[in-house]
Protein backbone atom coordinates (compact mmCIF):
# COMPACT_ATOMS: atom_id res chain seq x y z
CA MET A 1 10.20 7.00 -31.18
CA ALA A 2 13.86 7.52 -32.07
CA ARG A 3 15.15 11.05 -32.08
CA THR A 4 15.82 12.84 -35.35
CA LEU A 5 18.39 15.50 -36.19
CA ALA A 6 17.83 18.09 -38.90
CA ALA A 7 20.49 20.70 -39.70
CA ARG A 8 20.80 23.58 -42.12
CA ILE A 9 22.70 26.80 -42.82
CA GLU A 10 20.90 30.14 -42.53
CA ARG A 11 22.26 33.50 -43.73
CA PHE A 12 21.61 36.86 -42.07
CA PRO A 13 22.75 40.26 -43.44
CA VAL A 14 24.86 42.55 -41.28
CA ARG A 15 23.34 45.93 -40.41
CA GLY A 16 25.62 48.57 -41.92
CA ALA A 17 29.20 47.36 -41.52
CA PHE A 18 30.96 45.15 -38.99
CA THR A 19 34.73 45.65 -39.14
CA ILE A 20 37.52 44.26 -36.98
CA SER A 21 41.24 43.94 -37.55
CA ARG A 22 40.72 40.78 -39.63
CA GLY A 23 38.37 42.50 -42.10
CA ALA A 24 34.74 43.48 -42.70
CA LYS A 25 31.65 41.27 -42.88
CA THR A 26 28.44 41.90 -44.81
CA HIS A 27 26.58 38.78 -43.65
CA VAL A 28 26.88 35.84 -41.28
CA ASP A 29 26.12 32.20 -42.02
CA VAL A 30 24.96 30.21 -38.99
CA VAL A 31 24.29 26.50 -38.63
CA VAL A 32 21.03 25.46 -36.98
CA ALA A 33 20.42 22.05 -35.40
CA GLU A 34 16.94 20.76 -34.62
CA VAL A 35 16.41 17.60 -32.56
CA GLY A 36 12.97 16.02 -32.26
CA ASP A 37 11.47 13.05 -30.42
CA GLY A 38 8.20 12.92 -32.35
CA THR A 39 6.42 15.09 -29.78
CA HIS A 40 8.84 17.79 -28.78
CA GLY A 41 11.59 19.61 -30.63
CA GLY A 42 14.63 21.59 -29.58
CA ARG A 43 16.90 23.82 -31.59
CA GLY A 44 20.26 25.52 -31.31
CA GLU A 45 22.48 27.78 -33.39
CA GLY A 46 26.23 28.03 -33.93
CA THR A 47 28.55 30.42 -35.77
CA ALA A 48 31.81 29.05 -37.13
CA ILE A 49 35.03 30.31 -35.52
CA TYR A 50 36.37 31.69 -38.78
CA TYR A 51 39.82 32.60 -37.43
CA LYS A 52 40.33 28.89 -36.69
CA GLY A 53 39.50 27.94 -40.26
CA ASP A 54 36.02 26.62 -39.47
CA SER A 55 33.04 27.29 -41.73
CA ALA A 56 29.30 26.87 -41.67
CA GLU A 57 29.63 24.18 -44.35
CA GLN A 58 32.08 22.18 -42.23
CA ALA A 59 29.83 22.53 -39.20
CA LEU A 60 26.85 21.30 -41.21
CA ALA A 61 28.81 18.27 -42.43
CA ALA A 62 29.87 17.49 -38.86
CA LEU A 63 26.24 17.52 -37.73
CA HIS A 64 25.22 15.19 -40.52
CA ASN A 65 28.01 12.82 -39.45
CA VAL A 66 26.59 12.43 -35.93
CA ALA A 67 22.93 12.12 -36.93
CA ASP A 68 22.94 8.36 -36.29
CA ALA A 69 24.48 8.84 -32.84
CA VAL A 70 21.82 11.42 -31.98
CA ALA A 71 19.08 9.07 -33.19
CA ALA A 72 20.55 6.37 -30.96
CA GLY A 73 20.25 8.62 -27.93
CA ALA A 74 23.60 10.43 -27.63
CA THR A 75 23.58 12.75 -24.62
CA ARG A 76 25.12 16.17 -24.11
CA ALA A 77 27.95 14.47 -22.25
CA ASP A 78 28.48 12.15 -25.22
CA LEU A 79 28.88 15.15 -27.53
CA LEU A 80 32.14 16.10 -25.78
CA GLY A 81 33.66 13.00 -27.34
CA LEU A 82 31.70 12.93 -30.59
CA LEU A 83 32.48 16.46 -31.79
CA PRO A 84 35.29 18.96 -31.26
CA ALA A 85 34.51 22.33 -29.72
CA GLY A 86 32.99 24.63 -32.31
CA ALA A 87 29.80 25.70 -34.01
CA ALA A 88 28.46 22.21 -34.73
CA ARG A 89 28.72 21.01 -31.16
CA ASN A 90 27.36 24.29 -29.85
CA ALA A 91 24.26 24.11 -32.06
CA LEU A 92 23.59 20.48 -31.17
CA ASP A 93 24.31 20.85 -27.46
CA CYS A 94 21.95 23.83 -27.20
CA ALA A 95 19.30 21.96 -29.20
CA LEU A 96 19.47 19.11 -26.69
CA TRP A 97 19.14 21.52 -23.76
CA ASP A 98 16.08 23.03 -25.47
CA LEU A 99 14.59 19.60 -26.15
CA GLU A 100 15.10 18.51 -22.53
CA ALA A 101 13.40 21.66 -21.28
CA ARG A 102 10.37 21.09 -23.50
CA GLN A 103 10.16 17.41 -22.57
CA SER A 104 10.23 18.23 -18.86
CA GLY A 105 8.15 21.40 -18.98
CA THR A 106 10.91 23.12 -16.99
CA ARG A 107 12.95 26.09 -18.19
CA VAL A 108 16.71 25.57 -18.55
CA TRP A 109 17.45 28.23 -15.94
CA GLN A 110 15.35 26.26 -13.47
CA ARG A 111 17.15 23.03 -14.32
CA LEU A 112 20.43 24.81 -13.57
CA GLY A 113 19.19 26.14 -10.23
CA LEU A 114 19.57 29.77 -11.33
CA PRO A 115 17.40 32.63 -10.07
CA LEU A 116 14.64 34.07 -12.24
CA PRO A 117 16.47 35.80 -15.14
CA GLN A 118 16.25 39.58 -15.22
CA PRO A 119 17.14 42.15 -17.93
CA MET A 120 20.91 42.43 -18.25
CA LEU A 121 23.28 45.20 -19.29
CA THR A 122 25.05 44.26 -22.51
CA ALA A 123 27.90 45.92 -24.34
CA TYR A 124 27.32 47.40 -27.79
CA THR A 125 30.11 47.03 -30.34
CA ILE A 126 31.80 49.92 -32.16
CA SER A 127 33.55 48.61 -35.28
CA LEU A 128 37.14 49.40 -36.18
CA GLY A 129 37.72 52.45 -38.37
CA ASP A 130 39.48 55.79 -38.35
CA PRO A 131 38.96 57.98 -35.26
CA ALA A 132 36.33 60.19 -36.92
CA ALA A 133 34.26 57.24 -38.12
CA MET A 134 34.43 55.53 -34.74
CA ALA A 135 33.49 58.75 -32.96
CA ALA A 136 30.51 59.14 -35.27
CA ALA A 137 29.42 55.56 -34.56
CA ALA A 138 29.73 56.15 -30.81
CA ALA A 139 27.75 59.40 -31.05
CA LEU A 140 24.92 57.56 -32.81
CA VAL A 141 24.51 55.26 -29.81
CA ARG A 142 25.22 57.87 -27.17
CA GLY A 143 23.25 56.92 -24.09
CA ARG A 144 24.26 53.26 -24.18
CA GLU A 145 25.91 52.43 -20.89
CA LEU A 146 28.62 50.02 -22.09
CA LEU A 147 30.53 50.17 -25.38
CA LYS A 148 32.93 47.53 -26.66
CA VAL A 149 35.41 49.13 -29.05
CA LYS A 150 37.22 47.11 -31.70
CA LEU A 151 40.90 48.08 -32.04
CA GLY A 152 44.08 46.48 -33.41
CA GLY A 153 43.99 48.50 -36.62
CA ASP A 154 46.56 50.24 -38.81
CA GLY A 155 49.00 52.46 -36.98
CA GLY A 156 49.43 50.20 -33.97
CA PRO A 157 48.69 51.06 -30.34
CA ASP A 158 49.36 54.79 -30.76
CA ALA A 159 46.64 55.02 -33.41
CA ASP A 160 44.38 52.83 -31.26
CA VAL A 161 44.73 55.28 -28.36
CA GLU A 162 43.70 58.07 -30.74
CA ARG A 163 40.65 56.04 -31.69
CA MET A 164 39.74 55.59 -28.03
CA VAL A 165 40.17 59.30 -27.28
CA ALA A 166 37.74 60.04 -30.11
CA VAL A 167 35.21 57.47 -28.88
CA HIS A 168 35.44 58.74 -25.30
CA ARG A 169 34.83 62.32 -26.42
CA ALA A 170 31.82 61.25 -28.46
CA ALA A 171 30.30 59.17 -25.63
CA PRO A 172 31.83 60.55 -22.42
CA ASP A 173 29.38 58.85 -20.07
CA ALA A 174 29.75 55.34 -21.49
CA ARG A 175 31.69 52.60 -19.78
CA LEU A 176 34.30 51.22 -22.18
CA ILE A 177 35.73 47.83 -23.05
CA VAL A 178 38.49 47.45 -25.63
CA ASP A 179 39.03 44.45 -27.93
CA ALA A 180 42.57 44.59 -29.30
CA ASN A 181 41.96 41.48 -31.46
CA GLU A 182 45.52 40.15 -30.97
CA GLY A 183 46.91 43.36 -32.50
CA TRP A 184 49.50 44.62 -29.98
CA ALA A 185 52.15 41.89 -30.05
CA GLY A 186 55.71 43.16 -29.74
CA THR A 187 54.62 46.58 -28.47
CA ASP A 188 54.78 48.34 -25.10
CA ILE A 189 51.45 47.04 -23.84
CA GLU A 190 52.02 48.34 -20.34
CA ARG A 191 52.37 51.89 -21.70
CA THR A 192 49.25 51.54 -23.86
CA LEU A 193 47.16 50.33 -20.93
CA ALA A 194 48.37 53.26 -18.84
CA ARG A 195 47.17 55.64 -21.57
CA LEU A 196 43.78 53.94 -21.81
CA ALA A 197 43.04 53.88 -18.09
CA PRO A 198 42.31 57.65 -17.80
CA LEU A 199 39.71 57.27 -20.57
CA GLY A 200 37.69 54.99 -18.32
CA VAL A 201 38.53 51.73 -20.10
CA GLU A 202 37.57 48.89 -17.75
CA LEU A 203 38.80 45.85 -19.65
CA VAL A 204 41.09 45.05 -22.58
CA GLU A 205 40.62 41.81 -24.51
CA GLN A 206 43.37 39.79 -26.13
CA PRO A 207 46.24 42.24 -26.76
CA VAL A 208 48.53 39.50 -28.17
CA PRO A 209 47.93 36.55 -30.50
CA ALA A 210 46.88 33.27 -28.95
CA GLY A 211 50.00 31.28 -28.22
CA ARG A 212 52.08 34.37 -27.48
CA ASP A 213 50.56 34.99 -24.06
CA ALA A 214 53.99 34.81 -22.42
CA GLU A 215 54.53 38.36 -23.71
CA LEU A 216 52.21 39.42 -20.89
CA ASP A 217 54.36 37.95 -18.13
CA GLY A 218 55.34 40.50 -15.51
CA LEU A 219 53.27 43.36 -16.90
CA ARG A 220 51.86 45.93 -14.51
CA CYS A 221 48.44 46.36 -16.05
CA ALA A 222 46.60 49.63 -15.42
CA VAL A 223 43.56 47.99 -17.04
CA PRO A 224 42.63 44.29 -16.48
CA LEU A 225 43.19 41.92 -19.39
CA ALA A 226 40.71 39.34 -20.68
CA ALA A 227 41.61 36.26 -22.73
CA ASP A 228 39.43 35.69 -25.79
CA GLU A 229 41.20 33.85 -28.60
CA SER A 230 43.53 32.32 -25.98
CA CYS A 231 40.65 30.76 -24.04
CA HIS A 232 38.25 28.30 -25.63
CA ASP A 233 37.47 25.62 -23.07
CA ARG A 234 38.73 24.22 -19.77
CA ALA A 235 41.94 22.94 -21.37
CA SER A 236 42.91 26.57 -22.08
CA LEU A 237 42.96 27.75 -18.49
CA GLU A 238 46.46 26.78 -17.41
CA ALA A 239 48.00 29.23 -19.89
CA ILE A 240 45.64 31.98 -18.70
CA VAL A 241 46.25 32.08 -14.96
CA GLY A 242 48.69 34.82 -13.97
CA ARG A 243 48.50 36.55 -17.36
CA TYR A 244 44.83 37.53 -17.59
CA ARG A 245 42.29 38.44 -14.93
CA PHE A 246 39.22 37.61 -17.01
CA ILE A 247 38.21 35.17 -19.72
CA ASN A 248 35.69 35.72 -22.50
CA ILE A 249 33.39 32.71 -22.71
CA LYS A 250 31.68 32.21 -26.04
CA LEU A 251 29.51 29.18 -26.59
CA ASP A 252 30.87 28.65 -30.08
CA LYS A 253 34.43 28.53 -28.76
CA ALA A 254 33.47 26.24 -25.88
CA GLY A 255 31.32 24.03 -28.08
CA GLY A 256 28.03 24.49 -26.30
CA LEU A 257 26.31 25.50 -23.09
CA THR A 258 27.45 22.35 -21.30
CA GLU A 259 31.16 23.11 -21.67
CA ALA A 260 30.61 26.86 -21.19
CA LEU A 261 29.05 26.23 -17.78
CA ALA A 262 31.90 23.92 -16.80
CA LEU A 263 34.43 26.50 -18.01
CA ARG A 264 32.78 29.24 -15.96
CA HIS A 265 32.99 27.11 -12.82
CA ALA A 266 36.61 26.13 -13.49
CA ALA A 267 37.55 29.78 -14.07
CA ALA A 268 35.91 30.84 -10.82
CA THR A 269 37.91 28.26 -8.87
CA ARG A 270 41.08 29.82 -10.30
CA GLY A 271 40.07 33.36 -9.39
CA LEU A 272 39.31 34.43 -12.95
CA GLY A 273 36.45 36.77 -13.76
CA VAL A 274 34.10 36.05 -16.65
CA MET A 275 32.89 38.06 -19.59
CA THR A 276 30.29 36.31 -21.75
CA GLY A 277 30.58 37.18 -25.43
CA CYS A 278 29.24 36.07 -28.77
CA MET A 279 30.04 35.79 -32.43
CA LEU A 280 27.83 37.47 -35.02
CA CYS A 281 24.65 35.52 -34.44
CA THR A 282 20.91 35.69 -33.96
CA SER A 283 18.86 35.68 -30.77
CA LEU A 284 18.69 31.88 -30.88
CA ALA A 285 22.41 31.73 -30.06
CA ILE A 286 22.23 34.47 -27.42
CA ALA A 287 19.45 32.75 -25.47
CA PRO A 288 21.67 30.04 -23.91
CA ALA A 289 24.61 32.46 -23.57
CA PHE A 290 22.34 34.64 -21.42
CA LEU A 291 22.39 31.95 -18.72
CA VAL A 292 26.19 31.99 -18.60
CA ALA A 293 26.27 35.78 -18.58
CA MET A 294 23.99 35.79 -15.52
CA GLN A 295 26.93 34.30 -13.63
CA GLY A 296 29.65 36.69 -14.86
CA SER A 297 30.86 40.28 -14.59
CA PHE A 298 30.46 41.54 -18.18
CA ALA A 299 28.04 40.64 -20.97
CA ASP A 300 28.69 41.29 -24.65
CA LEU A 301 25.54 39.84 -26.17
CA ASP A 302 24.78 42.35 -28.91
CA GLY A 303 25.14 39.95 -31.86
CA PRO A 304 21.46 40.22 -32.88
CA LEU A 305 21.68 44.03 -32.90
CA LEU A 306 24.46 43.92 -35.50
CA ILE A 307 22.53 41.80 -38.03
CA GLU A 308 19.00 41.40 -39.37
CA ASP A 309 17.78 39.14 -36.54
CA ARG A 310 15.40 36.22 -36.91
CA PRO A 311 11.68 36.75 -36.16
CA HIS A 312 10.57 36.67 -32.51
CA GLY A 313 14.08 37.39 -31.29
CA LEU A 314 15.23 38.73 -27.96
CA ARG A 315 14.01 42.04 -26.67
CA PHE A 316 16.66 44.77 -26.48
CA GLU A 317 15.66 47.96 -24.73
CA GLY A 318 18.02 50.80 -23.90
CA SER A 319 21.29 49.18 -22.86
CA ASP A 320 19.65 45.94 -21.68
CA VAL A 321 18.89 42.58 -23.21
CA TYR A 322 15.87 40.74 -21.83
CA PRO A 323 15.74 37.03 -20.95
CA PRO A 324 14.65 34.64 -23.68
CA GLU A 325 11.04 33.55 -23.83
CA ALA A 326 10.31 29.82 -23.89
CA ALA A 327 9.04 30.12 -27.46
CA LEU A 328 12.55 31.11 -28.60
CA TRP A 329 14.66 28.66 -26.59
CA GLY A 330 14.95 26.85 -23.28
């Protein structure tokens, strides 16, 4: 029987508020792809990269446009030429991985030759706000081992340092990651990093806008830098080497698990460390990302904690996220 592709948009409310330098979100729309062969079915989820002008509606249209190719047997390798990197390809690629696992009766981690997945430490995100609000948010989750703090707000780096001082005081035992969200262009980044290092900050993501990475040339960085918006897939790496020490792999940016795994390998050959991140999403999107995160240094897989997750989602306990069950994905 020929394969079938069904796709739809699903909306999930945000818990409380999720605020970064580009604004606040009250909900997230994700695109879901389901591929069936008449006996087995696989599914995957993608979130549009909104800062690139993508949308759930555009991703849905893109999936409808390749339905005939999927029915004709298009493979995951074929998708690299059929669709650009983004939410549509991510959802479909992950659906095909899921379908293959169910057809073979073998989990995806086994097909990849990975060890038995174990619970994993994940960062928990503190949204951008004034220092008092961010301190209050950090105090509410005191006891979490790893916090990712959104910065790049009004007042520039000096105000961001004040925010971090407040967060550190509220959660003094937490390890800290900073996401500058492209907000420090044209500033003394070296000085800002030197002020953040004594607070225990271990990593700073994307201090300058994508395309302006040359501003980082020659910096003596007291805290390692990670490329997020500047690194999407393997084609991004040449502009990364020598400027960043880590990359943030997100399956939506890479356009699926297939490219994300290839990107992780290519980064390792260039001496780059890996952080595995996510967009706002449900557990269905985190399940394949978990397998990439198993092979990296940092995991930021808290998307389902920030929204009203789908039923039968991943188990989060303490600071850890647990591996996906076969009923969810893979």
